Amino acid sequence: MQKPFFGPKQLLTLLITAIVILFIAITLGLFFVQDNLNTQSKNIATEIAAISNTKLTPQSQAALQAELDSKKSVITKIGSLYSNSANYQSNALSDISKYAAKAGIKISSTSFTAVDTSIASSKTVTVSIDSSIKYSGLIKFLQYIEKTTPKMQVTNLKIERSENGSADEVKIQKLVIAIYVR
């Protein structure tokens, strides 16, 4: 029988040494992380103080206004991504009806609800479709909805097989569309 390389005492000593080294490494690592965070927080505090002490001169105000004026088209485009909360229902109904007609879908009813998301305030419209529709029509309708401006997004879609058994038709149980409003 061959004699083991490490005896119980050597293994215990090795284990204790490894634990001590690991404890020292973790302590040093935490020290360096804390030091780095302290340095970053001091830098941020210095930058915030510098920004809050900055006074706008008439020349810098004019430069900022000129920059805003040069980016009017971008600001307008961003503004068009959201519906106006006062008339979003009529605009959404008009758009949804138009897209449904283009896709060959007959909408039976719609209902609106309000939902708050972290991105923006949104309202939802639930669309009911009583008859079976072709897959191609559904795909076109969903593409129209997703590409529209102001932004609308399908958030819930439940479908089932068509009642007439047709392989290229589907029945929509529930279709919920989010409309992003200001």
N, C-alpha and C. Protein backbone atom coordinates (compact mmCIF):
# COMPACT_ATOMS: atom_id res chain seq x y z
N MET A 1 0.84 -1.17 0.00
CA MET A 1 0.00 0.00 0.00
C MET A 1 0.89 1.24 0.00
N GLN A 2 0.49 2.20 -0.81
CA GLN A 2 1.28 3.41 -0.96
C GLN A 2 0.90 4.42 0.10
N LYS A 3 1.90 5.15 0.61
CA LYS A 3 1.69 6.14 1.65
C LYS A 3 1.08 7.39 1.01
N PRO A 4 -0.02 7.99 1.65
CA PRO A 4 -0.63 9.19 1.06
C PRO A 4 0.35 10.37 1.03
N PHE A 5 0.19 11.21 0.01
CA PHE A 5 1.06 12.36 -0.17
C PHE A 5 0.88 13.37 0.96
N PHE A 6 -0.40 13.62 1.34
CA PHE A 6 -0.70 14.53 2.45
C PHE A 6 -1.37 13.74 3.56
N GLY A 7 -0.94 14.02 4.77
CA GLY A 7 -1.59 13.42 5.93
C GLY A 7 -2.69 14.35 6.42
N PRO A 8 -3.46 13.92 7.44
CA PRO A 8 -4.55 14.74 7.95
C PRO A 8 -4.08 16.10 8.46
N LYS A 9 -2.95 16.16 9.13
CA LYS A 9 -2.46 17.43 9.67
C LYS A 9 -2.04 18.38 8.54
N GLN A 10 -1.41 17.83 7.50
CA GLN A 10 -0.99 18.66 6.37
C GLN A 10 -2.22 19.19 5.61
N LEU A 11 -3.24 18.37 5.45
CA LEU A 11 -4.47 18.81 4.77
C LEU A 11 -5.17 19.90 5.57
N LEU A 12 -5.20 19.75 6.91
CA LEU A 12 -5.82 20.76 7.77
C LEU A 12 -5.05 22.07 7.68
N THR A 13 -3.74 22.00 7.71
CA THR A 13 -2.92 23.20 7.59
C THR A 13 -3.12 23.85 6.22
N LEU A 14 -3.18 23.07 5.18
CA LEU A 14 -3.40 23.58 3.82
C LEU A 14 -4.77 24.24 3.71
N LEU A 15 -5.79 23.64 4.29
CA LEU A 15 -7.14 24.19 4.25
C LEU A 15 -7.21 25.51 5.00
N ILE A 16 -6.63 25.58 6.16
CA ILE A 16 -6.64 26.82 6.94
C ILE A 16 -5.88 27.91 6.21
N THR A 17 -4.75 27.57 5.62
CA THR A 17 -3.96 28.54 4.85
C THR A 17 -4.76 29.06 3.66
N ALA A 18 -5.43 28.17 2.98
CA ALA A 18 -6.24 28.58 1.81
C ALA A 18 -7.37 29.51 2.25
N ILE A 19 -8.02 29.21 3.36
CA ILE A 19 -9.11 30.06 3.84
C ILE A 19 -8.58 31.43 4.23
N VAL A 20 -7.44 31.49 4.90
CA VAL A 20 -6.85 32.78 5.29
C VAL A 20 -6.48 33.58 4.05
N ILE A 21 -5.87 32.94 3.07
CA ILE A 21 -5.51 33.65 1.83
C ILE A 21 -6.76 34.15 1.12
N LEU A 22 -7.80 33.34 1.07
CA LEU A 22 -9.06 33.75 0.45
C LEU A 22 -9.66 34.93 1.18
N PHE A 23 -9.65 34.90 2.51
CA PHE A 23 -10.18 36.01 3.31
C PHE A 23 -9.40 37.29 3.05
N ILE A 24 -8.09 37.20 2.97
CA ILE A 24 -7.25 38.37 2.70
C ILE A 24 -7.54 38.92 1.30
N ALA A 25 -7.68 38.04 0.32
CA ALA A 25 -7.96 38.47 -1.06
C ALA A 25 -9.31 39.17 -1.15
N ILE A 26 -10.32 38.63 -0.49
CA ILE A 26 -11.65 39.26 -0.51
C ILE A 26 -11.60 40.62 0.16
N THR A 27 -10.89 40.71 1.30
CA THR A 27 -10.78 41.99 2.01
C THR A 27 -10.08 43.03 1.15
N LEU A 28 -8.98 42.66 0.49
CA LEU A 28 -8.29 43.59 -0.39
C LEU A 28 -9.16 43.99 -1.58
N GLY A 29 -9.88 43.04 -2.14
CA GLY A 29 -10.77 43.34 -3.26
C GLY A 29 -11.85 44.33 -2.86
N LEU A 30 -12.46 44.11 -1.71
CA LEU A 30 -13.50 45.05 -1.23
C LEU A 30 -12.91 46.42 -0.95
N PHE A 31 -11.68 46.45 -0.43
CA PHE A 31 -11.03 47.73 -0.18
C PHE A 31 -10.85 48.50 -1.48
N PHE A 32 -10.36 47.82 -2.51
CA PHE A 32 -10.15 48.49 -3.80
C PHE A 32 -11.47 48.94 -4.43
N VAL A 33 -12.50 48.14 -4.33
CA VAL A 33 -13.81 48.52 -4.86
C VAL A 33 -14.34 49.74 -4.12
N GLN A 34 -14.22 49.75 -2.78
CA GLN A 34 -14.70 50.89 -2.00
C GLN A 34 -13.91 52.15 -2.36
N ASP A 35 -12.61 52.01 -2.51
CA ASP A 35 -11.78 53.16 -2.87
C ASP A 35 -12.18 53.70 -4.24
N ASN A 36 -12.41 52.81 -5.19
CA ASN A 36 -12.83 53.22 -6.53
C ASN A 36 -14.18 53.94 -6.48
N LEU A 37 -15.12 53.41 -5.72
CA LEU A 37 -16.43 54.06 -5.61
C LEU A 37 -16.33 55.43 -4.95
N ASN A 38 -15.48 55.56 -3.92
CA ASN A 38 -15.29 56.86 -3.27
C ASN A 38 -14.71 57.87 -4.25
N THR A 39 -13.74 57.45 -5.05
CA THR A 39 -13.13 58.34 -6.04
C THR A 39 -14.17 58.78 -7.07
N GLN A 40 -14.98 57.83 -7.56
CA GLN A 40 -16.01 58.17 -8.54
C GLN A 40 -17.04 59.12 -7.96
N SER A 41 -17.45 58.89 -6.71
CA SER A 41 -18.46 59.77 -6.11
C SER A 41 -17.91 61.17 -5.91
N LYS A 42 -16.62 61.30 -5.56
CA LYS A 42 -16.01 62.63 -5.43
C LYS A 42 -15.95 63.33 -6.77
N ASN A 43 -15.60 62.59 -7.83
CA ASN A 43 -15.56 63.19 -9.17
C ASN A 43 -16.94 63.66 -9.60
N ILE A 44 -17.95 62.87 -9.35
CA ILE A 44 -19.32 63.24 -9.73
C ILE A 44 -19.76 64.46 -8.94
N ALA A 45 -19.46 64.49 -7.63
CA ALA A 45 -19.83 65.64 -6.80
C ALA A 45 -19.15 66.91 -7.30
N THR A 46 -17.89 66.79 -7.71
CA THR A 46 -17.16 67.94 -8.25
C THR A 46 -17.80 68.43 -9.55
N GLU A 47 -18.17 67.49 -10.43
CA GLU A 47 -18.81 67.88 -11.69
C GLU A 47 -20.16 68.52 -11.46
N ILE A 48 -20.94 67.99 -10.52
CA ILE A 48 -22.25 68.58 -10.22
C ILE A 48 -22.09 69.98 -9.67
N ALA A 49 -21.11 70.17 -8.79
CA ALA A 49 -20.86 71.50 -8.24
C ALA A 49 -20.44 72.47 -9.34
N ALA A 50 -19.60 72.01 -10.26
CA ALA A 50 -19.16 72.87 -11.36
C ALA A 50 -20.33 73.24 -12.26
N ILE A 51 -21.21 72.29 -12.52
CA ILE A 51 -22.37 72.57 -13.38
C ILE A 51 -23.34 73.52 -12.70
N SER A 52 -23.57 73.33 -11.41
CA SER A 52 -24.54 74.18 -10.72
C SER A 52 -24.00 75.60 -10.54
N ASN A 53 -22.68 75.79 -10.55
CA ASN A 53 -22.10 77.12 -10.41
C ASN A 53 -21.97 77.85 -11.75
N THR A 54 -22.26 77.18 -12.83
CA THR A 54 -22.12 77.78 -14.15
C THR A 54 -23.26 78.76 -14.40
N LYS A 55 -22.93 79.93 -14.83
CA LYS A 55 -23.92 80.95 -15.18
C LYS A 55 -23.98 81.05 -16.70
N LEU A 56 -25.19 81.15 -17.22
CA LEU A 56 -25.35 81.29 -18.67
C LEU A 56 -25.21 82.75 -19.06
N THR A 57 -24.34 83.00 -19.99
CA THR A 57 -24.18 84.35 -20.52
C THR A 57 -25.11 84.50 -21.71
N PRO A 58 -25.39 85.72 -22.11
CA PRO A 58 -26.25 85.90 -23.29
C PRO A 58 -25.71 85.20 -24.53
N GLN A 59 -24.37 85.16 -24.67
CA GLN A 59 -23.79 84.50 -25.83
C GLN A 59 -24.03 82.98 -25.77
N SER A 60 -23.88 82.39 -24.58
CA SER A 60 -24.09 80.95 -24.47
C SER A 60 -25.57 80.61 -24.62
N GLN A 61 -26.44 81.50 -24.14
CA GLN A 61 -27.87 81.29 -24.35
C GLN A 61 -28.22 81.33 -25.83
N ALA A 62 -27.63 82.27 -26.54
CA ALA A 62 -27.87 82.38 -27.99
C ALA A 62 -27.35 81.15 -28.71
N ALA A 63 -26.21 80.63 -28.29
CA ALA A 63 -25.65 79.44 -28.92
C ALA A 63 -26.55 78.23 -28.66
N LEU A 64 -27.05 78.11 -27.43
CA LEU A 64 -27.96 77.01 -27.11
C LEU A 64 -29.26 77.12 -27.91
N GLN A 65 -29.79 78.34 -28.06
CA GLN A 65 -31.01 78.54 -28.83
C GLN A 65 -30.78 78.19 -30.29
N ALA A 66 -29.63 78.56 -30.83
CA ALA A 66 -29.31 78.23 -32.22
C ALA A 66 -29.22 76.72 -32.41
N GLU A 67 -28.63 76.03 -31.43
CA GLU A 67 -28.53 74.58 -31.52
C GLU A 67 -29.92 73.94 -31.47
N LEU A 68 -30.79 74.46 -30.59
CA LEU A 68 -32.16 73.95 -30.53
C LEU A 68 -32.90 74.19 -31.84
N ASP A 69 -32.71 75.39 -32.41
CA ASP A 69 -33.37 75.71 -33.68
C ASP A 69 -32.89 74.80 -34.81
N SER A 70 -31.61 74.44 -34.79
CA SER A 70 -31.08 73.58 -35.84
C SER A 70 -31.61 72.15 -35.71
N LYS A 71 -32.09 71.78 -34.55
CA LYS A 71 -32.58 70.42 -34.32
C LYS A 71 -34.10 70.37 -34.22
N LYS A 72 -34.78 71.36 -34.74
CA LYS A 72 -36.25 71.40 -34.70
C LYS A 72 -36.87 70.19 -35.37
N SER A 73 -36.30 69.75 -36.50
CA SER A 73 -36.90 68.62 -37.22
C SER A 73 -36.82 67.35 -36.38
N VAL A 74 -35.71 67.18 -35.66
CA VAL A 74 -35.57 66.01 -34.80
C VAL A 74 -36.58 66.08 -33.65
N ILE A 75 -36.72 67.27 -33.07
CA ILE A 75 -37.67 67.46 -31.97
C ILE A 75 -39.09 67.20 -32.44
N THR A 76 -39.43 67.67 -33.63
CA THR A 76 -40.76 67.43 -34.19
C THR A 76 -40.99 65.96 -34.45
N LYS A 77 -39.98 65.28 -34.98
CA LYS A 77 -40.11 63.84 -35.26
C LYS A 77 -40.30 63.05 -33.97
N ILE A 78 -39.55 63.40 -32.93
CA ILE A 78 -39.70 62.72 -31.65
C ILE A 78 -41.09 62.98 -31.08
N GLY A 79 -41.56 64.21 -31.21
CA GLY A 79 -42.90 64.55 -30.72
C GLY A 79 -43.99 63.79 -31.44
N SER A 80 -43.76 63.43 -32.71
CA SER A 80 -44.78 62.71 -33.46
C SER A 80 -44.88 61.24 -33.08
N LEU A 81 -43.94 60.74 -32.29
CA LEU A 81 -44.00 59.35 -31.86
C LEU A 81 -45.09 59.11 -30.83
N TYR A 82 -45.55 60.17 -30.17
CA TYR A 82 -46.55 60.04 -29.13
C TYR A 82 -47.84 60.73 -29.55
N SER A 83 -48.96 60.15 -29.15
CA SER A 83 -50.25 60.76 -29.41
C SER A 83 -50.53 61.82 -28.36
N ASN A 84 -51.41 62.72 -28.71
CA ASN A 84 -51.87 63.73 -27.76
C ASN A 84 -52.92 63.07 -26.87
N SER A 85 -52.80 63.20 -25.56
CA SER A 85 -53.72 62.51 -24.65
C SER A 85 -55.15 63.00 -24.79
N ALA A 86 -55.35 64.19 -25.35
CA ALA A 86 -56.70 64.73 -25.50
C ALA A 86 -57.48 64.03 -26.61
N ASN A 87 -56.82 63.66 -27.70
CA ASN A 87 -57.56 63.10 -28.83
C ASN A 87 -56.98 61.77 -29.31
N TYR A 88 -56.32 61.04 -28.45
CA TYR A 88 -55.70 59.78 -28.88
C TYR A 88 -56.74 58.75 -29.30
N GLN A 89 -57.93 58.75 -28.67
CA GLN A 89 -58.92 57.73 -28.99
C GLN A 89 -59.41 57.86 -30.43
N SER A 90 -59.77 59.07 -30.83
CA SER A 90 -60.28 59.24 -32.19
C SER A 90 -59.18 58.95 -33.22
N ASN A 91 -57.95 59.39 -32.93
CA ASN A 91 -56.84 59.11 -33.87
C ASN A 91 -56.57 57.61 -33.94
N ALA A 92 -56.55 56.95 -32.79
CA ALA A 92 -56.27 55.50 -32.76
C ALA A 92 -57.37 54.73 -33.49
N LEU A 93 -58.64 55.08 -33.23
CA LEU A 93 -59.74 54.39 -33.92
C LEU A 93 -59.66 54.59 -35.42
N SER A 94 -59.35 55.81 -35.83
CA SER A 94 -59.23 56.10 -37.25
C SER A 94 -58.09 55.26 -37.88
N ASP A 95 -56.93 55.27 -37.22
CA ASP A 95 -55.78 54.52 -37.74
C ASP A 95 -56.06 53.02 -37.76
N ILE A 96 -56.59 52.49 -36.68
CA ILE A 96 -56.86 51.05 -36.60
C ILE A 96 -57.89 50.63 -37.64
N SER A 97 -58.93 51.44 -37.81
CA SER A 97 -59.95 51.13 -38.82
C SER A 97 -59.36 51.16 -40.22
N LYS A 98 -58.52 52.16 -40.48
CA LYS A 98 -57.88 52.28 -41.80
C LYS A 98 -56.98 51.08 -42.07
N TYR A 99 -56.18 50.67 -41.09
CA TYR A 99 -55.28 49.54 -41.27
C TYR A 99 -56.06 48.23 -41.40
N ALA A 100 -57.14 48.10 -40.66
CA ALA A 100 -57.96 46.89 -40.76
C ALA A 100 -58.58 46.79 -42.16
N ALA A 101 -59.06 47.92 -42.67
CA ALA A 101 -59.65 47.92 -44.01
C ALA A 101 -58.59 47.54 -45.07
N LYS A 102 -57.39 48.07 -44.94
CA LYS A 102 -56.31 47.74 -45.88
C LYS A 102 -55.98 46.25 -45.83
N ALA A 103 -56.07 45.66 -44.63
CA ALA A 103 -55.71 44.25 -44.46
C ALA A 103 -56.89 43.32 -44.69
N GLY A 104 -58.08 43.87 -44.94
CA GLY A 104 -59.26 43.04 -45.19
C GLY A 104 -59.85 42.45 -43.91
N ILE A 105 -59.78 43.18 -42.81
CA ILE A 105 -60.29 42.72 -41.52
C ILE A 105 -61.47 43.60 -41.11
N LYS A 106 -62.51 42.95 -40.57
CA LYS A 106 -63.67 43.69 -40.07
C LYS A 106 -63.64 43.67 -38.54
N ILE A 107 -63.50 44.87 -37.94
CA ILE A 107 -63.45 45.00 -36.49
C ILE A 107 -64.87 45.11 -35.97
N SER A 108 -65.20 44.31 -34.93
CA SER A 108 -66.55 44.36 -34.39
C SER A 108 -66.68 45.36 -33.24
N SER A 109 -65.65 45.51 -32.40
CA SER A 109 -65.72 46.50 -31.31
C SER A 109 -64.33 46.83 -30.80
N THR A 110 -64.26 47.97 -30.09
CA THR A 110 -63.02 48.40 -29.45
C THR A 110 -63.35 48.96 -28.07
N SER A 111 -62.39 48.85 -27.14
CA SER A 111 -62.55 49.47 -25.82
C SER A 111 -61.20 49.98 -25.35
N PHE A 112 -61.20 51.13 -24.64
CA PHE A 112 -59.96 51.78 -24.22
C PHE A 112 -59.78 51.68 -22.71
N THR A 113 -58.50 51.54 -22.28
CA THR A 113 -58.13 51.57 -20.86
C THR A 113 -56.81 52.32 -20.73
N ALA A 114 -56.52 52.83 -19.53
CA ALA A 114 -55.27 53.54 -19.28
C ALA A 114 -54.30 52.64 -18.53
N VAL A 115 -53.04 52.70 -18.93
CA VAL A 115 -51.98 51.91 -18.28
C VAL A 115 -50.76 52.80 -18.17
N ASP A 116 -50.09 52.79 -17.02
CA ASP A 116 -48.82 53.52 -16.88
C ASP A 116 -47.68 52.54 -17.02
N THR A 117 -46.72 52.87 -17.88
CA THR A 117 -45.51 52.06 -18.01
C THR A 117 -44.33 52.92 -17.61
N SER A 118 -43.19 52.32 -17.43
CA SER A 118 -42.00 53.08 -17.05
C SER A 118 -41.46 53.90 -18.22
N ILE A 119 -41.78 53.50 -19.43
CA ILE A 119 -41.25 54.21 -20.60
C ILE A 119 -42.03 55.49 -20.85
N ALA A 120 -43.32 55.38 -20.92
CA ALA A 120 -44.17 56.53 -21.17
C ALA A 120 -45.57 56.16 -20.73
N SER A 121 -46.40 57.16 -20.64
CA SER A 121 -47.78 56.90 -20.31
C SER A 121 -48.43 56.28 -21.54
N SER A 122 -49.13 55.19 -21.34
CA SER A 122 -49.76 54.55 -22.48
C SER A 122 -51.20 54.23 -22.17
N LYS A 123 -51.98 54.17 -23.21
CA LYS A 123 -53.38 53.76 -23.14
C LYS A 123 -53.47 52.51 -23.98
N THR A 124 -54.40 51.65 -23.63
CA THR A 124 -54.56 50.44 -24.44
C THR A 124 -55.94 50.40 -25.05
N VAL A 125 -56.00 49.81 -26.20
CA VAL A 125 -57.26 49.57 -26.88
C VAL A 125 -57.35 48.07 -27.13
N THR A 126 -58.49 47.50 -26.74
CA THR A 126 -58.74 46.09 -26.99
C THR A 126 -59.64 46.01 -28.22
N VAL A 127 -59.20 45.25 -29.20
CA VAL A 127 -59.91 45.14 -30.47
C VAL A 127 -60.55 43.76 -30.54
N SER A 128 -61.84 43.75 -30.87
CA SER A 128 -62.56 42.48 -31.04
C SER A 128 -62.87 42.27 -32.51
N ILE A 129 -62.62 41.06 -32.97
CA ILE A 129 -62.90 40.67 -34.35
C ILE A 129 -63.70 39.37 -34.28
N ASP A 130 -64.95 39.41 -34.73
CA ASP A 130 -65.83 38.25 -34.57
C ASP A 130 -65.61 37.17 -35.61
N SER A 131 -65.22 37.53 -36.82
CA SER A 131 -65.11 36.53 -37.88
C SER A 131 -63.67 36.06 -38.05
N SER A 132 -63.53 34.93 -38.72
CA SER A 132 -62.19 34.41 -39.02
C SER A 132 -61.53 35.28 -40.07
N ILE A 133 -60.21 35.39 -39.99
CA ILE A 133 -59.47 36.20 -40.95
C ILE A 133 -58.29 35.39 -41.48
N LYS A 134 -57.80 35.77 -42.64
CA LYS A 134 -56.66 35.09 -43.25
C LYS A 134 -55.37 35.49 -42.52
N TYR A 135 -54.43 34.53 -42.47
CA TYR A 135 -53.13 34.81 -41.86
C TYR A 135 -52.47 36.02 -42.51
N SER A 136 -52.52 36.08 -43.82
CA SER A 136 -51.86 37.18 -44.53
C SER A 136 -52.46 38.52 -44.13
N GLY A 137 -53.77 38.58 -43.94
CA GLY A 137 -54.42 39.81 -43.50
C GLY A 137 -54.00 40.18 -42.08
N LEU A 138 -53.90 39.19 -41.22
CA LEU A 138 -53.46 39.45 -39.85
C LEU A 138 -52.03 39.99 -39.84
N ILE A 139 -51.16 39.39 -40.62
CA ILE A 139 -49.76 39.84 -40.68
C ILE A 139 -49.69 41.28 -41.18
N LYS A 140 -50.43 41.60 -42.24
CA LYS A 140 -50.44 42.97 -42.76
C LYS A 140 -50.93 43.95 -41.70
N PHE A 141 -52.02 43.59 -41.04
CA PHE A 141 -52.59 44.45 -40.01
C PHE A 141 -51.58 44.71 -38.89
N LEU A 142 -50.92 43.66 -38.42
CA LEU A 142 -49.93 43.82 -37.35
C LEU A 142 -48.74 44.67 -37.81
N GLN A 143 -48.33 44.51 -39.05
CA GLN A 143 -47.24 45.33 -39.57
C GLN A 143 -47.64 46.80 -39.63
N TYR A 144 -48.86 47.08 -40.09
CA TYR A 144 -49.34 48.46 -40.13
C TYR A 144 -49.36 49.07 -38.73
N ILE A 145 -49.84 48.33 -37.76
CA ILE A 145 -49.93 48.82 -36.38
C ILE A 145 -48.53 49.12 -35.84
N GLU A 146 -47.60 48.21 -36.04
CA GLU A 146 -46.26 48.37 -35.48
C GLU A 146 -45.47 49.49 -36.15
N LYS A 147 -45.78 49.82 -37.40
CA LYS A 147 -45.02 50.84 -38.12
C LYS A 147 -45.64 52.23 -38.04
N THR A 148 -46.78 52.36 -37.39
CA THR A 148 -47.49 53.63 -37.40
C THR A 148 -46.82 54.70 -36.54
N THR A 149 -47.07 55.95 -36.88
CA THR A 149 -46.68 57.10 -36.08
C THR A 149 -47.94 57.92 -35.91
N PRO A 150 -48.35 58.27 -34.73
CA PRO A 150 -47.79 58.03 -33.41
C PRO A 150 -47.73 56.55 -33.08
N LYS A 151 -46.81 56.23 -32.20
CA LYS A 151 -46.45 54.84 -31.94
C LYS A 151 -47.56 54.04 -31.29
N MET A 152 -47.86 52.90 -31.90
CA MET A 152 -48.77 51.91 -31.34
C MET A 152 -48.02 50.58 -31.37
N GLN A 153 -48.32 49.74 -30.38
CA GLN A 153 -47.61 48.47 -30.29
C GLN A 153 -48.57 47.39 -29.81
N VAL A 154 -48.54 46.25 -30.47
CA VAL A 154 -49.37 45.12 -30.06
C VAL A 154 -48.75 44.54 -28.80
N THR A 155 -49.54 44.49 -27.71
CA THR A 155 -49.01 43.98 -26.44
C THR A 155 -49.58 42.63 -26.07
N ASN A 156 -50.70 42.25 -26.69
CA ASN A 156 -51.30 40.96 -26.36
C ASN A 156 -52.09 40.48 -27.58
N LEU A 157 -51.85 39.26 -27.98
CA LEU A 157 -52.54 38.69 -29.12
C LEU A 157 -52.81 37.22 -28.83
N LYS A 158 -54.08 36.88 -28.76
CA LYS A 158 -54.47 35.48 -28.55
C LYS A 158 -55.27 35.03 -29.76
N ILE A 159 -54.79 33.95 -30.39
CA ILE A 159 -55.47 33.45 -31.59
C ILE A 159 -55.79 31.97 -31.40
N GLU A 160 -56.73 31.51 -32.21
CA GLU A 160 -57.09 30.09 -32.22
C GLU A 160 -57.41 29.69 -33.64
N ARG A 161 -57.60 28.41 -33.86
CA ARG A 161 -57.94 27.93 -35.19
C ARG A 161 -59.29 28.49 -35.63
N SER A 162 -59.41 28.61 -36.91
CA SER A 162 -60.66 29.07 -37.49
C SER A 162 -61.76 28.06 -37.24
N GLU A 163 -62.98 28.55 -37.05
CA GLU A 163 -64.11 27.66 -36.79
C GLU A 163 -64.47 26.81 -38.00
N ASN A 164 -64.17 27.32 -39.20
CA ASN A 164 -64.51 26.57 -40.41
C ASN A 164 -63.42 25.56 -40.79
N GLY A 165 -62.33 25.49 -40.01
CA GLY A 165 -61.29 24.49 -40.23
C GLY A 165 -60.31 24.83 -41.34
N SER A 166 -60.39 26.01 -41.90
CA SER A 166 -59.49 26.40 -42.98
C SER A 166 -58.07 26.55 -42.44
N ALA A 167 -57.12 26.03 -43.21
CA ALA A 167 -55.73 26.04 -42.76
C ALA A 167 -55.10 27.42 -42.85
N ASP A 168 -55.62 28.31 -43.69
CA ASP A 168 -55.01 29.63 -43.84
C ASP A 168 -55.81 30.73 -43.14
N GLU A 169 -56.73 30.34 -42.25
CA GLU A 169 -57.50 31.32 -41.50
C GLU A 169 -57.34 31.10 -40.01
N VAL A 170 -57.56 32.17 -39.26
CA VAL A 170 -57.39 32.15 -37.81
C VAL A 170 -58.48 33.02 -37.18
N LYS A 171 -58.83 32.71 -35.95
CA LYS A 171 -59.81 33.50 -35.19
C LYS A 171 -59.05 34.20 -34.07
N ILE A 172 -59.24 35.50 -33.94
CA ILE A 172 -58.57 36.27 -32.89
C ILE A 172 -59.47 36.31 -31.67
N GLN A 173 -58.96 35.80 -30.55
CA GLN A 173 -59.70 35.85 -29.30
C GLN A 173 -59.55 37.23 -28.64
N LYS A 174 -58.30 37.74 -28.65
CA LYS A 174 -58.04 39.01 -27.99
C LYS A 174 -56.86 39.69 -28.66
N LEU A 175 -57.00 40.99 -28.91
CA LEU A 175 -55.94 41.80 -29.49
C LEU A 175 -55.88 43.09 -28.70
N VAL A 176 -54.75 43.32 -28.02
CA VAL A 176 -54.57 44.53 -27.21
C VAL A 176 -53.43 45.33 -27.82
N ILE A 177 -53.70 46.62 -28.03
CA ILE A 177 -52.72 47.51 -28.65
C ILE A 177 -52.44 48.66 -27.68
N ALA A 178 -51.16 48.93 -27.42
CA ALA A 178 -50.75 50.06 -26.56
C ALA A 178 -50.54 51.27 -27.45
N ILE A 179 -51.04 52.42 -26.98
CA ILE A 179 -50.88 53.69 -27.69
C ILE A 179 -50.12 54.61 -26.74
N TYR A 180 -48.97 55.07 -27.16
CA TYR A 180 -48.14 55.92 -26.29
C TYR A 180 -48.59 57.37 -26.43
N VAL A 181 -48.90 57.98 -25.28
CA VAL A 181 -49.44 59.34 -25.27
C VAL A 181 -48.57 60.25 -24.39
N ARG A 182 -48.70 61.55 -24.67
CA ARG A 182 -48.02 62.55 -23.83
C ARG A 182 -49.00 63.10 -22.85
